[in-house]
Amino acid sequence: FKNDEGELETVAGSATNELTNVQKLFELYEKNKFSENRLAYSIAEYVTGIGTGNSTNIAPADESEIFGQGAGIGKYGVTAKVSTSVDQLSTSIINIKSVFAEADPNTVDGFNKLQFDVFGFSRGAAAARHFINVVLDGEQG
């Protein structure tokens, strides 16, 4: 884009922008904490937006994938982000089992309920809906 002086400037990418509203909401969630009655345990996971890198750190995507970034397909698209989400949650659930075992191995024998609060904006909302379908229906979701 051209600045006020008419000179051409480049943008470093969305990874350098201020936090998104979805990121801000994520920051408000309880992370790795038991409820007061110790019957519930909260975790929070964040997956970067469509077209951005798949690491848990906010990082730009591989610039050679420009079309996929814009179209929401490929290794930074909706389906890839859902796969990243499932992988992250699977790891977290395995870790929760060890937290329970350390906290009180005699009273925790399994999960009664998993509850998901899923958020996304624009293409991220499409990914959020697809994630819920995958959770409910499996990989064919």
Protein backbone atom coordinates (compact mmCIF):
# COMPACT_ATOMS: atom_id res chain seq x y z
CA PHE A 1 0.00 0.00 0.00
CA LYS A 2 1.07 3.61 -0.36
CA ASN A 3 1.65 5.74 2.72
CA ASP A 4 0.73 9.43 3.07
CA GLU A 5 3.89 10.43 1.20
CA GLY A 6 2.98 8.15 -1.73
CA GLU A 7 5.79 5.69 -0.97
CA LEU A 8 5.12 1.98 -1.27
CA GLU A 9 5.11 0.17 2.10
CA THR A 10 4.78 -3.51 2.91
CA VAL A 11 2.93 -5.05 5.81
CA ALA A 12 4.70 -7.58 8.02
CA GLY A 13 1.56 -9.74 8.16
CA SER A 14 -1.27 -10.40 10.58
CA ALA A 15 1.11 -12.02 13.07
CA THR A 16 2.35 -8.53 13.96
CA ASN A 17 -1.13 -7.07 14.54
CA GLU A 18 -2.75 -6.42 17.88
CA LEU A 19 -4.49 -9.39 19.53
CA THR A 20 -7.76 -10.41 17.91
CA ASN A 21 -10.99 -10.49 19.90
CA VAL A 22 -10.83 -14.30 19.83
CA GLN A 23 -7.33 -14.17 21.36
CA LYS A 24 -8.51 -11.69 24.00
CA LEU A 25 -11.42 -13.98 24.88
CA PHE A 26 -9.01 -16.92 25.12
CA GLU A 27 -6.92 -14.94 27.63
CA LEU A 28 -9.98 -14.61 29.90
CA TYR A 29 -10.56 -18.36 30.19
CA GLU A 30 -9.43 -20.40 33.19
CA LYS A 31 -6.45 -22.51 32.27
CA ASN A 32 -5.37 -25.73 33.97
CA LYS A 33 -7.47 -25.17 37.06
CA PHE A 34 -9.87 -27.21 39.18
CA SER A 35 -13.23 -25.73 40.16
CA GLU A 36 -13.79 -24.91 43.85
CA ASN A 37 -15.59 -28.22 44.46
CA ARG A 38 -12.86 -30.04 42.47
CA LEU A 39 -15.47 -31.72 40.27
CA ALA A 40 -14.49 -29.85 37.12
CA TYR A 41 -11.19 -28.99 35.49
CA SER A 42 -10.76 -26.22 32.94
CA ILE A 43 -8.27 -25.93 30.14
CA ALA A 44 -8.11 -23.47 27.28
CA GLU A 45 -6.64 -24.02 23.84
CA TYR A 46 -5.95 -21.46 21.14
CA VAL A 47 -5.42 -22.24 17.48
CA THR A 48 -4.16 -19.49 15.22
CA GLY A 49 -6.44 -18.18 12.49
CA ILE A 50 -6.91 -19.37 8.94
CA GLY A 51 -3.95 -18.46 6.77
CA THR A 52 -1.51 -18.15 9.69
CA GLY A 53 1.12 -20.62 10.87
CA ASN A 54 -0.02 -23.76 12.68
CA SER A 55 2.27 -23.46 15.70
CA THR A 56 0.74 -22.51 19.02
CA ASN A 57 2.78 -19.31 18.83
CA ILE A 58 1.34 -16.58 16.68
CA ALA A 59 3.53 -16.77 13.58
CA PRO A 60 3.13 -16.05 9.90
CA ALA A 61 2.42 -18.92 7.55
CA ASP A 62 4.80 -20.11 4.86
CA GLU A 63 4.59 -17.35 2.26
CA SER A 64 4.70 -19.90 -0.58
CA GLU A 65 1.11 -20.85 0.30
CA ILE A 66 -0.49 -17.49 -0.56
CA PHE A 67 -3.51 -18.90 -2.43
CA GLY A 68 -4.33 -21.31 0.39
CA GLN A 69 -4.02 -18.52 2.95
CA GLY A 70 -6.59 -16.43 1.14
CA ALA A 71 -8.92 -19.28 0.18
CA GLY A 72 -8.85 -21.06 3.54
CA ILE A 73 -7.54 -24.31 2.04
CA GLY A 74 -4.28 -26.24 2.20
CA LYS A 75 -1.98 -26.54 5.17
CA TYR A 76 -3.24 -23.28 6.73
CA GLY A 77 -6.91 -23.72 5.82
CA VAL A 78 -10.07 -24.69 7.67
CA THR A 79 -9.51 -28.46 7.59
CA ALA A 80 -5.86 -28.13 8.63
CA LYS A 81 -6.78 -25.85 11.54
CA VAL A 82 -9.38 -28.37 12.71
CA SER A 83 -6.76 -31.14 12.57
CA THR A 84 -4.42 -28.93 14.60
CA SER A 85 -7.22 -28.36 17.13
CA VAL A 86 -7.92 -32.07 17.48
CA ASP A 87 -4.20 -32.80 17.95
CA GLN A 88 -3.84 -30.08 20.60
CA LEU A 89 -6.91 -31.24 22.49
CA SER A 90 -5.90 -34.89 22.34
CA THR A 91 -2.57 -34.02 23.94
CA SER A 92 -4.29 -31.87 26.57
CA ILE A 93 -6.77 -34.60 27.48
CA ILE A 94 -3.93 -37.08 27.95
CA ASN A 95 -2.20 -34.53 30.19
CA ILE A 96 -5.40 -33.97 32.21
CA LYS A 97 -5.49 -37.67 33.07
CA SER A 98 -2.09 -37.30 34.74
CA VAL A 99 -3.22 -34.14 36.57
CA PHE A 100 -6.16 -36.09 37.99
CA ALA A 101 -3.95 -39.00 38.98
CA GLU A 102 -1.61 -36.67 40.86
CA ALA A 103 -4.44 -34.70 42.50
CA ASP A 104 -6.35 -37.64 43.94
CA PRO A 105 -5.80 -41.02 42.31
CA ASN A 106 -8.49 -42.71 44.43
CA THR A 107 -11.43 -40.56 43.36
CA VAL A 108 -10.92 -39.87 39.66
CA ASP A 109 -11.70 -42.82 37.45
CA GLY A 110 -12.65 -41.14 34.19
CA PHE A 111 -14.35 -38.24 32.45
CA ASN A 112 -18.04 -37.64 32.98
CA LYS A 113 -18.38 -34.82 30.46
CA LEU A 114 -16.31 -32.80 28.01
CA GLN A 115 -17.64 -29.32 27.28
CA PHE A 116 -16.30 -27.15 24.48
CA ASP A 117 -16.69 -23.40 24.08
CA VAL A 118 -15.61 -22.84 20.47
CA PHE A 119 -15.08 -19.42 18.91
CA GLY A 120 -13.95 -18.12 15.56
CA PHE A 121 -14.33 -15.07 13.40
CA SER A 122 -15.03 -15.14 9.67
CA ARG A 123 -13.15 -18.14 8.22
CA GLY A 124 -12.34 -19.09 11.82
CA ALA A 125 -16.09 -19.37 12.46
CA ALA A 126 -16.30 -21.86 9.59
CA ALA A 127 -13.42 -23.77 11.19
CA ALA A 128 -15.17 -23.66 14.58
CA ARG A 129 -18.35 -25.15 13.09
CA HIS A 130 -16.34 -27.81 11.25
CA PHE A 131 -14.50 -28.65 14.49
CA ILE A 132 -17.80 -29.24 16.32
CA ASN A 133 -18.99 -31.47 13.47
CA VAL A 134 -15.75 -33.47 13.63
CA VAL A 135 -16.12 -33.85 17.41
CA LEU A 136 -19.73 -35.02 17.04
CA ASP A 137 -19.40 -37.09 13.85
CA GLY A 138 -15.74 -38.10 13.66
CA GLU A 139 -13.42 -37.37 10.76
CA GLN A 140 -16.33 -37.36 8.30
CA GLY A 141 -17.88 -34.37 10.19
